[in-house]
Amino acid sequence: MRSIEVLNDGPHEHDLTIVRLEAAGSVARAMDWLDNPEGVAAPGTAVGGTVGFGPGGRALVTIVVTSGRYALLCWVPDDSGKAHYQRGMVREYTVQ
């Protein structure tokens, strides 16, 4: 089990979703799935995250971490209604 501290040092609200990617999964497939969950197979399994927290806020996320690849992304919409992950707020991390 690992704890991850998340700091929002930006001017907008954010949240965090952590997805453990399947062997054939990718960040691109995760984004396709988020945009159309009915039409695309899930690229992995959600393993944790946070609800929204404002500028200057901190969150502590505790998850079970195993070797593999993970996608971290933000669902909060911007002023145009697009989720932050659709604007590039998504990263892939590998745990060995």
N, C-alpha and C. Protein backbone atom coordinates (compact mmCIF):
# COMPACT_ATOMS: atom_id res chain seq x y z
N MET A 1 0.85 -1.17 0.00
CA MET A 1 0.00 0.00 0.00
C MET A 1 0.89 1.24 0.00
N ARG A 2 0.50 2.22 -0.77
CA ARG A 2 1.25 3.48 -0.88
C ARG A 2 0.31 4.65 -0.70
N SER A 3 0.85 5.72 -0.13
CA SER A 3 0.09 6.97 -0.02
C SER A 3 0.75 8.00 -0.92
N ILE A 4 -0.09 8.72 -1.66
CA ILE A 4 0.37 9.74 -2.59
C ILE A 4 -0.25 11.06 -2.15
N GLU A 5 0.59 12.06 -1.90
CA GLU A 5 0.07 13.38 -1.57
C GLU A 5 -0.06 14.18 -2.86
N VAL A 6 -1.21 14.78 -3.06
CA VAL A 6 -1.49 15.57 -4.25
C VAL A 6 -1.70 17.01 -3.82
N LEU A 7 -0.98 17.93 -4.45
CA LEU A 7 -1.09 19.36 -4.15
C LEU A 7 -1.64 20.08 -5.37
N ASN A 8 -2.66 20.88 -5.17
CA ASN A 8 -3.22 21.69 -6.24
C ASN A 8 -2.57 23.07 -6.16
N ASP A 9 -1.55 23.30 -6.99
CA ASP A 9 -0.89 24.61 -6.98
C ASP A 9 -1.36 25.49 -8.13
N GLY A 10 -2.46 25.09 -8.77
CA GLY A 10 -3.03 25.87 -9.86
C GLY A 10 -4.18 26.73 -9.39
N PRO A 11 -4.77 27.51 -10.29
CA PRO A 11 -5.85 28.43 -9.93
C PRO A 11 -7.25 27.81 -10.00
N HIS A 12 -7.36 26.53 -10.39
CA HIS A 12 -8.67 25.91 -10.59
C HIS A 12 -8.83 24.66 -9.73
N GLU A 13 -10.06 24.23 -9.54
CA GLU A 13 -10.33 22.98 -8.84
C GLU A 13 -9.81 21.81 -9.67
N HIS A 14 -9.37 20.74 -8.99
CA HIS A 14 -8.92 19.52 -9.65
C HIS A 14 -9.38 18.32 -8.84
N ASP A 15 -9.37 17.15 -9.47
CA ASP A 15 -9.54 15.89 -8.77
C ASP A 15 -8.50 14.94 -9.34
N LEU A 16 -8.51 13.70 -8.88
CA LEU A 16 -7.55 12.72 -9.37
C LEU A 16 -8.22 11.37 -9.48
N THR A 17 -8.06 10.73 -10.63
CA THR A 17 -8.48 9.35 -10.82
C THR A 17 -7.24 8.57 -11.23
N ILE A 18 -7.02 7.43 -10.59
CA ILE A 18 -5.88 6.58 -10.89
C ILE A 18 -6.40 5.27 -11.47
N VAL A 19 -5.93 4.93 -12.68
CA VAL A 19 -6.37 3.72 -13.38
C VAL A 19 -5.15 2.84 -13.61
N ARG A 20 -5.24 1.58 -13.15
CA ARG A 20 -4.18 0.61 -13.47
C ARG A 20 -4.47 0.08 -14.85
N LEU A 21 -3.57 0.34 -15.79
CA LEU A 21 -3.77 -0.04 -17.19
C LEU A 21 -3.53 -1.53 -17.40
N GLU A 22 -4.37 -2.14 -18.21
CA GLU A 22 -4.18 -3.53 -18.61
C GLU A 22 -2.97 -3.59 -19.53
N ALA A 23 -2.48 -4.81 -19.82
CA ALA A 23 -1.29 -4.97 -20.65
C ALA A 23 -1.42 -4.24 -21.99
N ALA A 24 -2.60 -4.32 -22.61
CA ALA A 24 -2.81 -3.66 -23.90
C ALA A 24 -3.36 -2.24 -23.74
N GLY A 25 -3.52 -1.78 -22.51
CA GLY A 25 -4.08 -0.45 -22.27
C GLY A 25 -3.06 0.65 -22.52
N SER A 26 -3.56 1.84 -22.70
CA SER A 26 -2.70 3.01 -22.90
C SER A 26 -3.47 4.24 -22.44
N VAL A 27 -2.76 5.33 -22.29
CA VAL A 27 -3.42 6.59 -21.94
C VAL A 27 -4.40 6.98 -23.04
N ALA A 28 -4.01 6.79 -24.31
CA ALA A 28 -4.91 7.13 -25.42
C ALA A 28 -6.19 6.30 -25.33
N ARG A 29 -6.08 5.00 -25.05
CA ARG A 29 -7.27 4.15 -24.92
C ARG A 29 -8.10 4.56 -23.70
N ALA A 30 -7.43 4.97 -22.62
CA ALA A 30 -8.16 5.42 -21.43
C ALA A 30 -8.98 6.66 -21.77
N MET A 31 -8.40 7.58 -22.52
CA MET A 31 -9.12 8.79 -22.89
C MET A 31 -10.28 8.47 -23.83
N ASP A 32 -10.07 7.55 -24.79
CA ASP A 32 -11.17 7.12 -25.67
C ASP A 32 -12.31 6.53 -24.85
N TRP A 33 -11.96 5.70 -23.87
CA TRP A 33 -12.97 5.06 -23.03
C TRP A 33 -13.73 6.09 -22.19
N LEU A 34 -13.01 7.05 -21.64
CA LEU A 34 -13.66 8.09 -20.84
C LEU A 34 -14.62 8.91 -21.69
N ASP A 35 -14.24 9.16 -22.94
CA ASP A 35 -15.09 9.93 -23.84
C ASP A 35 -16.29 9.13 -24.33
N ASN A 36 -16.17 7.80 -24.38
CA ASN A 36 -17.24 6.96 -24.91
C ASN A 36 -17.20 5.59 -24.22
N PRO A 37 -17.58 5.52 -22.94
CA PRO A 37 -17.46 4.26 -22.20
C PRO A 37 -18.34 3.14 -22.75
N GLU A 38 -19.38 3.47 -23.47
CA GLU A 38 -20.26 2.44 -24.03
C GLU A 38 -19.66 1.77 -25.26
N GLY A 39 -18.80 2.49 -25.99
CA GLY A 39 -18.33 1.98 -27.26
C GLY A 39 -16.92 1.42 -27.28
N VAL A 40 -16.19 1.55 -26.17
CA VAL A 40 -14.79 1.13 -26.14
C VAL A 40 -14.56 0.30 -24.87
N ALA A 41 -13.83 -0.79 -24.99
CA ALA A 41 -13.52 -1.62 -23.82
C ALA A 41 -12.67 -0.84 -22.83
N ALA A 42 -12.93 -1.02 -21.54
CA ALA A 42 -12.17 -0.34 -20.49
C ALA A 42 -10.70 -0.74 -20.60
N PRO A 43 -9.79 0.24 -20.54
CA PRO A 43 -8.37 -0.04 -20.69
C PRO A 43 -7.69 -0.49 -19.41
N GLY A 44 -8.45 -0.50 -18.32
CA GLY A 44 -7.86 -0.85 -17.04
C GLY A 44 -8.90 -0.78 -15.94
N THR A 45 -8.41 -0.72 -14.71
CA THR A 45 -9.27 -0.72 -13.53
C THR A 45 -8.96 0.48 -12.66
N ALA A 46 -9.99 1.23 -12.28
CA ALA A 46 -9.78 2.35 -11.36
C ALA A 46 -9.36 1.80 -10.01
N VAL A 47 -8.29 2.37 -9.45
CA VAL A 47 -7.78 1.88 -8.17
C VAL A 47 -7.82 2.92 -7.06
N GLY A 48 -8.22 4.14 -7.39
CA GLY A 48 -8.30 5.16 -6.35
C GLY A 48 -8.35 6.55 -6.93
N GLY A 49 -8.38 7.52 -6.03
CA GLY A 49 -8.41 8.91 -6.46
C GLY A 49 -8.97 9.81 -5.39
N THR A 50 -9.34 11.02 -5.81
CA THR A 50 -9.88 12.02 -4.90
C THR A 50 -11.11 12.66 -5.53
N VAL A 51 -11.88 13.32 -4.70
CA VAL A 51 -12.92 14.21 -5.19
C VAL A 51 -12.25 15.56 -5.43
N GLY A 52 -12.99 16.51 -5.99
CA GLY A 52 -12.42 17.81 -6.29
C GLY A 52 -11.88 18.53 -5.07
N PHE A 53 -10.77 19.24 -5.28
CA PHE A 53 -10.21 20.08 -4.23
C PHE A 53 -9.66 21.34 -4.86
N GLY A 54 -9.84 22.45 -4.17
CA GLY A 54 -9.56 23.76 -4.73
C GLY A 54 -8.10 24.17 -4.71
N PRO A 55 -7.83 25.34 -5.26
CA PRO A 55 -6.48 25.88 -5.29
C PRO A 55 -5.86 25.90 -3.89
N GLY A 56 -4.61 25.46 -3.81
CA GLY A 56 -3.92 25.41 -2.52
C GLY A 56 -4.28 24.18 -1.70
N GLY A 57 -5.24 23.41 -2.16
CA GLY A 57 -5.67 22.23 -1.42
C GLY A 57 -4.70 21.06 -1.59
N ARG A 58 -4.79 20.14 -0.64
CA ARG A 58 -3.99 18.92 -0.66
C ARG A 58 -4.91 17.74 -0.43
N ALA A 59 -4.52 16.62 -1.00
CA ALA A 59 -5.28 15.39 -0.78
C ALA A 59 -4.28 14.26 -0.59
N LEU A 60 -4.63 13.30 0.24
CA LEU A 60 -3.81 12.12 0.44
C LEU A 60 -4.59 10.93 -0.09
N VAL A 61 -3.99 10.23 -1.05
CA VAL A 61 -4.62 9.07 -1.68
C VAL A 61 -3.81 7.84 -1.29
N THR A 62 -4.47 6.84 -0.72
CA THR A 62 -3.80 5.59 -0.37
C THR A 62 -4.36 4.49 -1.25
N ILE A 63 -3.46 3.81 -1.98
CA ILE A 63 -3.87 2.75 -2.90
C ILE A 63 -2.93 1.55 -2.75
N VAL A 64 -3.40 0.41 -3.18
CA VAL A 64 -2.54 -0.77 -3.31
C VAL A 64 -1.85 -0.66 -4.66
N VAL A 65 -0.52 -0.66 -4.64
CA VAL A 65 0.26 -0.49 -5.86
C VAL A 65 0.95 -1.81 -6.19
N THR A 66 0.76 -2.26 -7.41
CA THR A 66 1.47 -3.42 -7.91
C THR A 66 2.25 -2.99 -9.15
N SER A 67 3.18 -3.82 -9.57
CA SER A 67 3.95 -3.49 -10.78
C SER A 67 3.00 -3.32 -11.96
N GLY A 68 3.28 -2.34 -12.76
CA GLY A 68 2.46 -2.11 -13.94
C GLY A 68 2.42 -0.65 -14.31
N ARG A 69 1.55 -0.35 -15.25
CA ARG A 69 1.39 1.02 -15.74
C ARG A 69 0.08 1.61 -15.23
N TYR A 70 0.13 2.89 -14.92
CA TYR A 70 -1.02 3.58 -14.36
C TYR A 70 -1.25 4.89 -15.12
N ALA A 71 -2.51 5.25 -15.29
CA ALA A 71 -2.88 6.54 -15.84
C ALA A 71 -3.45 7.38 -14.70
N LEU A 72 -2.99 8.61 -14.58
CA LEU A 72 -3.50 9.56 -13.59
C LEU A 72 -4.13 10.70 -14.37
N LEU A 73 -5.36 11.07 -14.00
CA LEU A 73 -6.05 12.10 -14.76
C LEU A 73 -7.04 12.87 -13.91
N CYS A 74 -7.44 14.01 -14.44
CA CYS A 74 -8.39 14.90 -13.78
C CYS A 74 -9.67 14.99 -14.60
N TRP A 75 -10.81 14.77 -13.93
CA TRP A 75 -12.14 14.82 -14.57
C TRP A 75 -12.80 16.20 -14.53
N VAL A 76 -12.32 17.09 -13.69
CA VAL A 76 -13.00 18.37 -13.48
C VAL A 76 -13.08 19.13 -14.80
N PRO A 77 -14.26 19.68 -15.13
CA PRO A 77 -14.39 20.44 -16.38
C PRO A 77 -13.83 21.85 -16.26
N ASP A 78 -13.34 22.37 -17.39
CA ASP A 78 -12.91 23.76 -17.42
C ASP A 78 -14.11 24.64 -17.77
N ASP A 79 -13.87 25.91 -18.01
CA ASP A 79 -14.97 26.85 -18.29
C ASP A 79 -15.74 26.51 -19.56
N SER A 80 -15.10 25.78 -20.48
CA SER A 80 -15.78 25.42 -21.73
C SER A 80 -16.61 24.14 -21.58
N GLY A 81 -16.47 23.46 -20.44
CA GLY A 81 -17.19 22.21 -20.23
C GLY A 81 -16.37 20.97 -20.53
N LYS A 82 -15.15 21.15 -21.08
CA LYS A 82 -14.29 20.00 -21.35
C LYS A 82 -13.57 19.60 -20.07
N ALA A 83 -13.48 18.28 -19.85
CA ALA A 83 -12.74 17.79 -18.69
C ALA A 83 -11.25 18.10 -18.85
N HIS A 84 -10.58 18.30 -17.73
CA HIS A 84 -9.16 18.62 -17.78
C HIS A 84 -8.35 17.55 -18.50
N TYR A 85 -8.73 16.26 -18.37
CA TYR A 85 -7.97 15.23 -19.09
C TYR A 85 -8.07 15.44 -20.60
N GLN A 86 -9.18 16.02 -21.08
CA GLN A 86 -9.34 16.30 -22.50
C GLN A 86 -8.44 17.45 -22.94
N ARG A 87 -7.94 18.19 -21.98
CA ARG A 87 -7.03 19.32 -22.24
C ARG A 87 -5.57 18.93 -21.98
N GLY A 88 -5.35 17.63 -21.70
CA GLY A 88 -3.96 17.16 -21.52
C GLY A 88 -3.58 16.85 -20.10
N MET A 89 -4.47 16.99 -19.13
CA MET A 89 -4.13 16.73 -17.75
C MET A 89 -4.29 15.23 -17.46
N VAL A 90 -3.40 14.47 -18.07
CA VAL A 90 -3.35 13.02 -17.91
C VAL A 90 -1.90 12.59 -18.08
N ARG A 91 -1.44 11.68 -17.23
CA ARG A 91 -0.07 11.19 -17.30
C ARG A 91 -0.06 9.68 -17.08
N GLU A 92 0.93 9.05 -17.67
CA GLU A 92 1.15 7.62 -17.44
C GLU A 92 2.38 7.45 -16.58
N TYR A 93 2.30 6.55 -15.60
CA TYR A 93 3.41 6.22 -14.73
C TYR A 93 3.60 4.71 -14.71
N THR A 94 4.85 4.29 -14.61
CA THR A 94 5.16 2.87 -14.53
C THR A 94 5.73 2.57 -13.14
N VAL A 95 5.19 1.54 -12.50
CA VAL A 95 5.68 1.07 -11.21
C VAL A 95 6.39 -0.25 -11.46
N GLN A 96 7.63 -0.35 -11.01
CA GLN A 96 8.38 -1.59 -11.22
C GLN A 96 8.49 -2.40 -9.96
